[in-house]
């Protein structure tokens, strides 16, 4: 099913391959500044897409990677 978005574009109900920094921050429960800091530090995979230098786009798989790392740290502390 397709539904209109706030900007008037149509969005399909399919899994996202990439997120903007704002979308990623909201999905991961992080501050946007932290997302940009992690990209600059090389701790978060991201590519620039769009005209000119474009905006950063973060692969959806990065949310799963960060979650897996967080669980591994919790397990290491608990053991």
PDB file of N, CA and C in Angstrom:
ATOM      1  N   UNK A   1       0.836  -1.177   0.000  1.00  0.00           N
ATOM      2  CA  UNK A   1       0.000   0.000   0.000  1.00  0.00           C
ATOM      3  C   UNK A   1       0.881   1.239   0.000  1.00  0.00           C
ATOM      4  N   UNK A   2       0.454   2.256  -0.681  1.00  0.00           N
ATOM      5  CA  UNK A   2       1.200   3.503  -0.723  1.00  0.00           C
ATOM      6  C   UNK A   2       0.447   4.553   0.062  1.00  0.00           C
ATOM      7  N   UNK A   3       1.172   5.407   0.724  1.00  0.00           N
ATOM      8  CA  UNK A   3       0.538   6.461   1.506  1.00  0.00           C
ATOM      9  C   UNK A   3       1.292   7.767   1.310  1.00  0.00           C
ATOM     10  N   UNK A   4       0.609   8.904   1.367  1.00  0.00           N
ATOM     11  CA  UNK A   4       1.305  10.177   1.206  1.00  0.00           C
ATOM     12  C   UNK A   4       2.124  10.497   2.459  1.00  0.00           C
ATOM     13  N   UNK A   5       3.247  11.171   2.261  1.00  0.00           N
ATOM     14  CA  UNK A   5       4.069  11.593   3.388  1.00  0.00           C
ATOM     15  C   UNK A   5       3.801  13.064   3.661  1.00  0.00           C
ATOM     16  N   UNK A   6       4.408  13.594   4.693  1.00  0.00           N
ATOM     17  CA  UNK A   6       4.183  14.985   5.076  1.00  0.00           C
ATOM     18  C   UNK A   6       4.594  15.952   3.978  1.00  0.00           C
ATOM     19  N   UNK A   7       5.598  15.604   3.190  1.00  0.00           N
ATOM     20  CA  UNK A   7       6.069  16.498   2.137  1.00  0.00           C
ATOM     21  C   UNK A   7       5.316  16.296   0.829  1.00  0.00           C
ATOM     22  N   UNK A   8       4.347  15.395   0.813  1.00  0.00           N
ATOM     23  CA  UNK A   8       3.580  15.175  -0.387  1.00  0.00           C
ATOM     24  C   UNK A   8       4.106  14.067  -1.270  1.00  0.00           C
ATOM     25  N   UNK A   9       5.276  13.520  -0.967  1.00  0.00           N
ATOM     26  CA  UNK A   9       5.808  12.406  -1.740  1.00  0.00           C
ATOM     27  C   UNK A   9       5.072  11.137  -1.344  1.00  0.00           C
ATOM     28  N   UNK A  10       5.097  10.166  -2.189  1.00  0.00           N
ATOM     29  CA  UNK A  10       4.447   8.897  -1.890  1.00  0.00           C
ATOM     30  C   UNK A  10       5.503   7.915  -1.408  1.00  0.00           C
ATOM     31  N   UNK A  11       5.188   7.214  -0.336  1.00  0.00           N
ATOM     32  CA  UNK A  11       6.125   6.269   0.243  1.00  0.00           C
ATOM     33  C   UNK A  11       5.503   4.879   0.230  1.00  0.00           C
ATOM     34  N   UNK A  12       6.246   3.897  -0.221  1.00  0.00           N
ATOM     35  CA  UNK A  12       5.758   2.522  -0.268  1.00  0.00           C
ATOM     36  C   UNK A  12       6.074   1.822   1.057  1.00  0.00           C
ATOM     37  N   UNK A  13       5.256   0.840   1.420  1.00  0.00           N
ATOM     38  CA  UNK A  13       5.476   0.063   2.628  1.00  0.00           C
ATOM     39  C   UNK A  13       6.444  -1.081   2.346  1.00  0.00           C
ATOM     40  N   UNK A  14       7.701  -0.735   2.124  1.00  0.00           N
ATOM     41  CA  UNK A  14       8.739  -1.728   1.882  1.00  0.00           C
ATOM     42  C   UNK A  14       9.894  -1.440   2.832  1.00  0.00           C
ATOM     43  N   UNK A  15      10.684  -2.440   3.159  1.00  0.00           N
ATOM     44  CA  UNK A  15      11.821  -2.203   4.047  1.00  0.00           C
ATOM     45  C   UNK A  15      12.767  -1.163   3.463  1.00  0.00           C
ATOM     46  N   UNK A  16      13.301  -0.316   4.314  1.00  0.00           N
ATOM     47  CA  UNK A  16      14.228   0.726   3.880  1.00  0.00           C
ATOM     48  C   UNK A  16      15.633   0.163   3.783  1.00  0.00           C
ATOM     49  N   UNK A  17      16.345   0.540   2.751  1.00  0.00           N
ATOM     50  CA  UNK A  17      17.735   0.133   2.609  1.00  0.00           C
ATOM     51  C   UNK A  17      18.660   1.143   3.281  1.00  0.00           C
ATOM     52  N   UNK A  18      18.284   2.420   3.249  1.00  0.00           N
ATOM     53  CA  UNK A  18      19.090   3.494   3.818  1.00  0.00           C
ATOM     54  C   UNK A  18      18.207   4.441   4.617  1.00  0.00           C
ATOM     55  N   UNK A  19      18.805   5.059   5.627  1.00  0.00           N
ATOM     56  CA  UNK A  19      18.126   6.056   6.441  1.00  0.00           C
ATOM     57  C   UNK A  19      18.897   7.361   6.379  1.00  0.00           C
ATOM     58  N   UNK A  20      18.199   8.488   6.511  1.00  0.00           N
ATOM     59  CA  UNK A  20      18.885   9.759   6.714  1.00  0.00           C
ATOM     60  C   UNK A  20      19.412   9.760   8.137  1.00  0.00           C
ATOM     61  N   UNK A  21      20.257  10.711   8.463  1.00  0.00           N
ATOM     62  CA  UNK A  21      20.792  10.791   9.830  1.00  0.00           C
ATOM     63  C   UNK A  21      19.668  10.992  10.843  1.00  0.00           C
ATOM     64  N   UNK A  22      18.684  11.812  10.499  1.00  0.00           N
ATOM     65  CA  UNK A  22      17.562  12.063  11.403  1.00  0.00           C
ATOM     66  C   UNK A  22      16.721  10.807  11.603  1.00  0.00           C
ATOM     67  N   UNK A  23      16.447  10.088  10.517  1.00  0.00           N
ATOM     68  CA  UNK A  23      15.670   8.847  10.615  1.00  0.00           C
ATOM     69  C   UNK A  23      16.431   7.794  11.418  1.00  0.00           C
ATOM     70  N   UNK A  24      17.741   7.697  11.173  1.00  0.00           N
ATOM     71  CA  UNK A  24      18.549   6.721  11.888  1.00  0.00           C
ATOM     72  C   UNK A  24      18.569   7.034  13.378  1.00  0.00           C
ATOM     73  N   UNK A  25      18.761   8.312  13.711  1.00  0.00           N
ATOM     74  CA  UNK A  25      18.796   8.711  15.118  1.00  0.00           C
ATOM     75  C   UNK A  25      17.484   8.360  15.813  1.00  0.00           C
ATOM     76  N   UNK A  26      16.371   8.615  15.158  1.00  0.00           N
ATOM     77  CA  UNK A  26      15.063   8.297  15.751  1.00  0.00           C
ATOM     78  C   UNK A  26      14.893   6.787  15.907  1.00  0.00           C
ATOM     79  N   UNK A  27      15.300   6.019  14.915  1.00  0.00           N
ATOM     80  CA  UNK A  27      15.153   4.564  14.966  1.00  0.00           C
ATOM     81  C   UNK A  27      16.050   3.933  16.029  1.00  0.00           C
ATOM     82  N   UNK A  28      17.242   4.493  16.204  1.00  0.00           N
ATOM     83  CA  UNK A  28      18.207   3.930  17.144  1.00  0.00           C
ATOM     84  C   UNK A  28      18.099   4.541  18.535  1.00  0.00           C
ATOM     85  N   UNK A  29      17.244   5.555  18.696  1.00  0.00           N
ATOM     86  CA  UNK A  29      17.112   6.206  19.993  1.00  0.00           C
ATOM     87  C   UNK A  29      18.344   7.013  20.369  1.00  0.00           C
ATOM     88  N   UNK A  30      18.927   7.675  19.374  1.00  0.00           N
ATOM     89  CA  UNK A  30      20.161   8.444  19.579  1.00  0.00           C
ATOM     90  C   UNK A  30      19.917   9.901  19.222  1.00  0.00           C
ATOM     91  N   UNK A  31      20.821  10.751  19.656  1.00  0.00           N
ATOM     92  CA  UNK A  31      20.802  12.152  19.248  1.00  0.00           C
ATOM     93  C   UNK A  31      21.411  12.252  17.845  1.00  0.00           C
ATOM     94  N   UNK A  32      20.894  13.170  17.048  1.00  0.00           N
ATOM     95  CA  UNK A  32      21.397  13.351  15.679  1.00  0.00           C
ATOM     96  C   UNK A  32      22.871  13.730  15.703  1.00  0.00           C
ATOM     97  N   UNK A  33      23.269  14.570  16.653  1.00  0.00           N
ATOM     98  CA  UNK A  33      24.678  14.962  16.756  1.00  0.00           C
ATOM     99  C   UNK A  33      25.572  13.740  16.983  1.00  0.00           C
ATOM    100  N   UNK A  34      25.089  12.780  17.756  1.00  0.00           N
ATOM    101  CA  UNK A  34      25.864  11.553  17.999  1.00  0.00           C
ATOM    102  C   UNK A  34      26.039  10.764  16.714  1.00  0.00           C
ATOM    103  N   UNK A  35      25.002  10.731  15.883  1.00  0.00           N
ATOM    104  CA  UNK A  35      25.079  10.017  14.606  1.00  0.00           C
ATOM    105  C   UNK A  35      26.155  10.650  13.729  1.00  0.00           C
ATOM    106  N   UNK A  36      26.138  11.985  13.597  1.00  0.00           N
ATOM    107  CA  UNK A  36      27.150  12.667  12.790  1.00  0.00           C
ATOM    108  C   UNK A  36      28.548  12.446  13.360  1.00  0.00           C
ATOM    109  N   UNK A  37      28.682  12.477  14.680  1.00  0.00           N
ATOM    110  CA  UNK A  37      29.977  12.254  15.332  1.00  0.00           C
ATOM    111  C   UNK A  37      30.494  10.849  15.029  1.00  0.00           C
ATOM    112  N   UNK A  38      29.611   9.859  15.087  1.00  0.00           N
ATOM    113  CA  UNK A  38      30.006   8.475  14.806  1.00  0.00           C
ATOM    114  C   UNK A  38      30.417   8.296  13.350  1.00  0.00           C
ATOM    115  N   UNK A  39      29.740   8.978  12.434  1.00  0.00           N
ATOM    116  CA  UNK A  39      30.113   8.911  11.014  1.00  0.00           C
ATOM    117  C   UNK A  39      31.513   9.490  10.826  1.00  0.00           C
ATOM    118  N   UNK A  40      31.757  10.686  11.400  1.00  0.00           N
ATOM    119  CA  UNK A  40      33.070  11.331  11.257  1.00  0.00           C
ATOM    120  C   UNK A  40      34.188  10.483  11.860  1.00  0.00           C
ATOM    121  N   UNK A  41      33.884   9.775  12.955  1.00  0.00           N
ATOM    122  CA  UNK A  41      34.888   8.948  13.632  1.00  0.00           C
ATOM    123  C   UNK A  41      35.083   7.600  12.942  1.00  0.00           C
ATOM    124  N   UNK A  42      34.238   7.285  11.962  1.00  0.00           N
ATOM    125  CA  UNK A  42      34.347   6.012  11.262  1.00  0.00           C
ATOM    126  C   UNK A  42      33.710   4.858  12.022  1.00  0.00           C
ATOM    127  N   UNK A  43      32.920   5.159  13.046  1.00  0.00           N
ATOM    128  CA  UNK A  43      32.266   4.114  13.843  1.00  0.00           C
ATOM    129  C   UNK A  43      30.899   3.744  13.292  1.00  0.00           C
ATOM    130  N   UNK A  44      30.443   4.456  12.272  1.00  0.00           N
ATOM    131  CA  UNK A  44      29.143   4.199  11.670  1.00  0.00           C
ATOM    132  C   UNK A  44      29.302   4.294  10.160  1.00  0.00           C
ATOM    133  N   UNK A  45      28.924   3.240   9.446  1.00  0.00           N
ATOM    134  CA  UNK A  45      29.032   3.232   7.985  1.00  0.00           C
ATOM    135  C   UNK A  45      27.990   4.175   7.397  1.00  0.00           C
ATOM    136  N   UNK A  46      28.418   4.992   6.454  1.00  0.00           N
ATOM    137  CA  UNK A  46      27.503   5.929   5.799  1.00  0.00           C
ATOM    138  C   UNK A  46      28.073   6.317   4.443  1.00  0.00           C
ATOM    139  N   UNK A  47      27.187   6.686   3.534  1.00  0.00           N
ATOM    140  CA  UNK A  47      27.598   7.149   2.207  1.00  0.00           C
ATOM    141  C   UNK A  47      26.865   8.445   1.909  1.00  0.00           C
ATOM    142  N   UNK A  48      27.463   9.237   1.055  1.00  0.00           N
ATOM    143  CA  UNK A  48      26.799  10.471   0.621  1.00  0.00           C
ATOM    144  C   UNK A  48      26.012  10.168  -0.645  1.00  0.00           C
ATOM    145  N   UNK A  49      24.748  10.556  -0.639  1.00  0.00           N
ATOM    146  CA  UNK A  49      23.894  10.350  -1.813  1.00  0.00           C
ATOM    147  C   UNK A  49      23.208  11.662  -2.158  1.00  0.00           C
ATOM    148  N   UNK A  50      23.048  11.875  -3.441  1.00  0.00           N
ATOM    149  CA  UNK A  50      22.352  13.064  -3.895  1.00  0.00           C
ATOM    150  C   UNK A  50      23.254  13.951  -4.718  1.00  0.00           C
ATOM    151  N   UNK A  51      22.698  15.084  -5.128  1.00  0.00           N
ATOM    152  CA  UNK A  51      23.434  16.029  -5.957  1.00  0.00           C
ATOM    153  C   UNK A  51      24.572  16.660  -5.155  1.00  0.00           C
ATOM    154  N   UNK A  52      25.645  17.004  -5.845  1.00  0.00           N
ATOM    155  CA  UNK A  52      26.798  17.590  -5.170  1.00  0.00           C
ATOM    156  C   UNK A  52      27.383  16.588  -4.197  1.00  0.00           C
ATOM    157  N   UNK A  53      27.657  17.031  -2.982  1.00  0.00           N
ATOM    158  CA  UNK A  53      28.153  16.103  -1.970  1.00  0.00           C
ATOM    159  C   UNK A  53      27.019  15.297  -1.375  1.00  0.00           C
ATOM    160  N   UNK A  54      25.793  15.767  -1.494  1.00  0.00           N
ATOM    161  CA  UNK A  54      24.638  15.023  -1.019  1.00  0.00           C
ATOM    162  C   UNK A  54      24.567  14.914   0.490  1.00  0.00           C
ATOM    163  N   UNK A  55      23.542  14.253   0.943  1.00  0.00           N
ATOM    164  CA  UNK A  55      23.341  14.044   2.372  1.00  0.00           C
ATOM    165  C   UNK A  55      23.817  12.653   2.744  1.00  0.00           C
ATOM    166  N   UNK A  56      24.199  12.492   4.000  1.00  0.00           N
ATOM    167  CA  UNK A  56      24.613  11.183   4.472  1.00  0.00           C
ATOM    168  C   UNK A  56      23.428  10.234   4.488  1.00  0.00           C
ATOM    169  N   UNK A  57      23.668   9.011   4.063  1.00  0.00           N
ATOM    170  CA  UNK A  57      22.681   7.934   4.158  1.00  0.00           C
ATOM    171  C   UNK A  57      23.363   6.765   4.861  1.00  0.00           C
ATOM    172  N   UNK A  58      22.632   6.167   5.798  1.00  0.00           N
ATOM    173  CA  UNK A  58      23.173   5.098   6.616  1.00  0.00           C
ATOM    174  C   UNK A  58      22.435   3.810   6.291  1.00  0.00           C
ATOM    175  N   UNK A  59      23.157   2.732   5.983  1.00  0.00           N
ATOM    176  CA  UNK A  59      22.486   1.464   5.682  1.00  0.00           C
ATOM    177  C   UNK A  59      21.653   0.995   6.877  1.00  0.00           C
ATOM    178  N   UNK A  60      20.495   0.446   6.600  1.00  0.00           N
ATOM    179  CA  UNK A  60      19.613  -0.052   7.658  1.00  0.00           C
ATOM    180  C   UNK A  60      20.310  -1.125   8.487  1.00  0.00           C
ATOM    181  N   UNK A  61      21.241  -1.843   7.894  1.00  0.00           N
ATOM    182  CA  UNK A  61      21.957  -2.903   8.613  1.00  0.00           C
ATOM    183  C   UNK A  61      22.784  -2.365   9.772  1.00  0.00           C
ATOM    184  N   UNK A  62      23.087  -1.073   9.778  1.00  0.00           N
ATOM    185  CA  UNK A  62      23.873  -0.489  10.860  1.00  0.00           C
ATOM    186  C   UNK A  62      23.102  -0.487  12.182  1.00  0.00           C
ATOM    187  N   UNK A  63      21.789  -0.387  12.140  1.00  0.00           N
ATOM    188  CA  UNK A  63      21.001  -0.448  13.379  1.00  0.00           C
ATOM    189  C   UNK A  63      21.174  -1.823  14.019  1.00  0.00           C
ATOM    190  N   UNK A  64      21.093  -2.863  13.208  1.00  0.00           N
ATOM    191  CA  UNK A  64      21.259  -4.224  13.726  1.00  0.00           C
ATOM    192  C   UNK A  64      22.675  -4.428  14.262  1.00  0.00           C
ATOM    193  N   UNK A  65      23.676  -3.901  13.558  1.00  0.00           N
ATOM    194  CA  UNK A  65      25.059  -4.039  14.010  1.00  0.00           C
ATOM    195  C   UNK A  65      25.265  -3.364  15.363  1.00  0.00           C
ATOM    196  N   UNK A  66      24.746  -2.142  15.517  1.00  0.00           N
ATOM    197  CA  UNK A  66      24.887  -1.435  16.787  1.00  0.00           C
ATOM    198  C   UNK A  66      24.159  -2.162  17.914  1.00  0.00           C
ATOM    199  N   UNK A  67      22.989  -2.709  17.606  1.00  0.00           N
ATOM    200  CA  UNK A  67      22.235  -3.462  18.608  1.00  0.00           C
ATOM    201  C   UNK A  67      22.999  -4.706  19.033  1.00  0.00           C
ATOM    202  N   UNK A  68      23.565  -5.426  18.069  1.00  0.00           N
ATOM    203  CA  UNK A  68      24.350  -6.626  18.378  1.00  0.00           C
ATOM    204  C   UNK A  68      25.557  -6.284  19.252  1.00  0.00           C
ATOM    205  N   UNK A  69      26.238  -5.178  18.935  1.00  0.00           N
ATOM    206  CA  UNK A  69      27.390  -4.760  19.731  1.00  0.00           C
ATOM    207  C   UNK A  69      26.978  -4.402  21.157  1.00  0.00           C
ATOM    208  N   UNK A  70      25.843  -3.723  21.303  1.00  0.00           N
ATOM    209  CA  UNK A  70      25.362  -3.347  22.632  1.00  0.00           C
ATOM    210  C   UNK A  70      25.037  -4.588  23.455  1.00  0.00           C
ATOM    211  N   UNK A  71      24.377  -5.572  22.858  1.00  0.00           N
ATOM    212  CA  UNK A  71      24.061  -6.809  23.570  1.00  0.00           C
ATOM    213  C   UNK A  71      25.334  -7.555  23.958  1.00  0.00           C
ATOM    214  N   UNK A  72      26.331  -7.546  23.083  1.00  0.00           N
ATOM    215  CA  UNK A  72      27.595  -8.218  23.384  1.00  0.00           C
ATOM    216  C   UNK A  72      28.278  -7.559  24.582  1.00  0.00           C
ATOM    217  N   UNK A  73      28.224  -6.217  24.657  1.00  0.00           N
ATOM    218  CA  UNK A  73      28.820  -5.509  25.802  1.00  0.00           C
ATOM    219  C   UNK A  73      28.080  -5.839  27.085  1.00  0.00           C
ATOM    220  N   UNK A  74      26.749  -5.908  27.022  1.00  0.00           N
ATOM    221  CA  UNK A  74      25.948  -6.243  28.204  1.00  0.00           C
ATOM    222  C   UNK A  74      26.267  -7.651  28.677  1.00  0.00           C
ATOM    223  N   UNK A  75      26.360  -8.595  27.746  1.00  0.00           N
ATOM    224  CA  UNK A  75      26.680  -9.972  28.093  1.00  0.00           C
ATOM    225  C   UNK A  75      28.074 -10.090  28.699  1.00  0.00           C
ATOM    226  N   UNK A  76      29.030  -9.312  28.180  1.00  0.00           N
ATOM    227  CA  UNK A  76      30.399  -9.351  28.698  1.00  0.00           C
ATOM    228  C   UNK A  76      30.439  -8.828  30.133  1.00  0.00           C
ATOM    229  N   UNK A  77      29.663  -7.801  30.432  1.00  0.00           N
ATOM    230  CA  UNK A  77      29.619  -7.236  31.789  1.00  0.00           C
ATOM    231  C   UNK A  77      28.898  -8.195  32.734  1.00  0.00           C
ATOM    232  N   UNK A  78      27.862  -8.855  32.246  1.00  0.00           N
ATOM    233  CA  UNK A  78      27.064  -9.751  33.083  1.00  0.00           C
ATOM    234  C   UNK A  78      27.802 -11.050  33.402  1.00  0.00           C
ATOM    235  N   UNK A  79      28.792 -11.436  32.575  1.00  0.00           N
ATOM    236  CA  UNK A  79      29.467 -12.704  32.836  1.00  0.00           C
ATOM    237  C   UNK A  79      30.611 -12.576  33.784  1.00  0.00           C
TER     238      UNK A  79
END
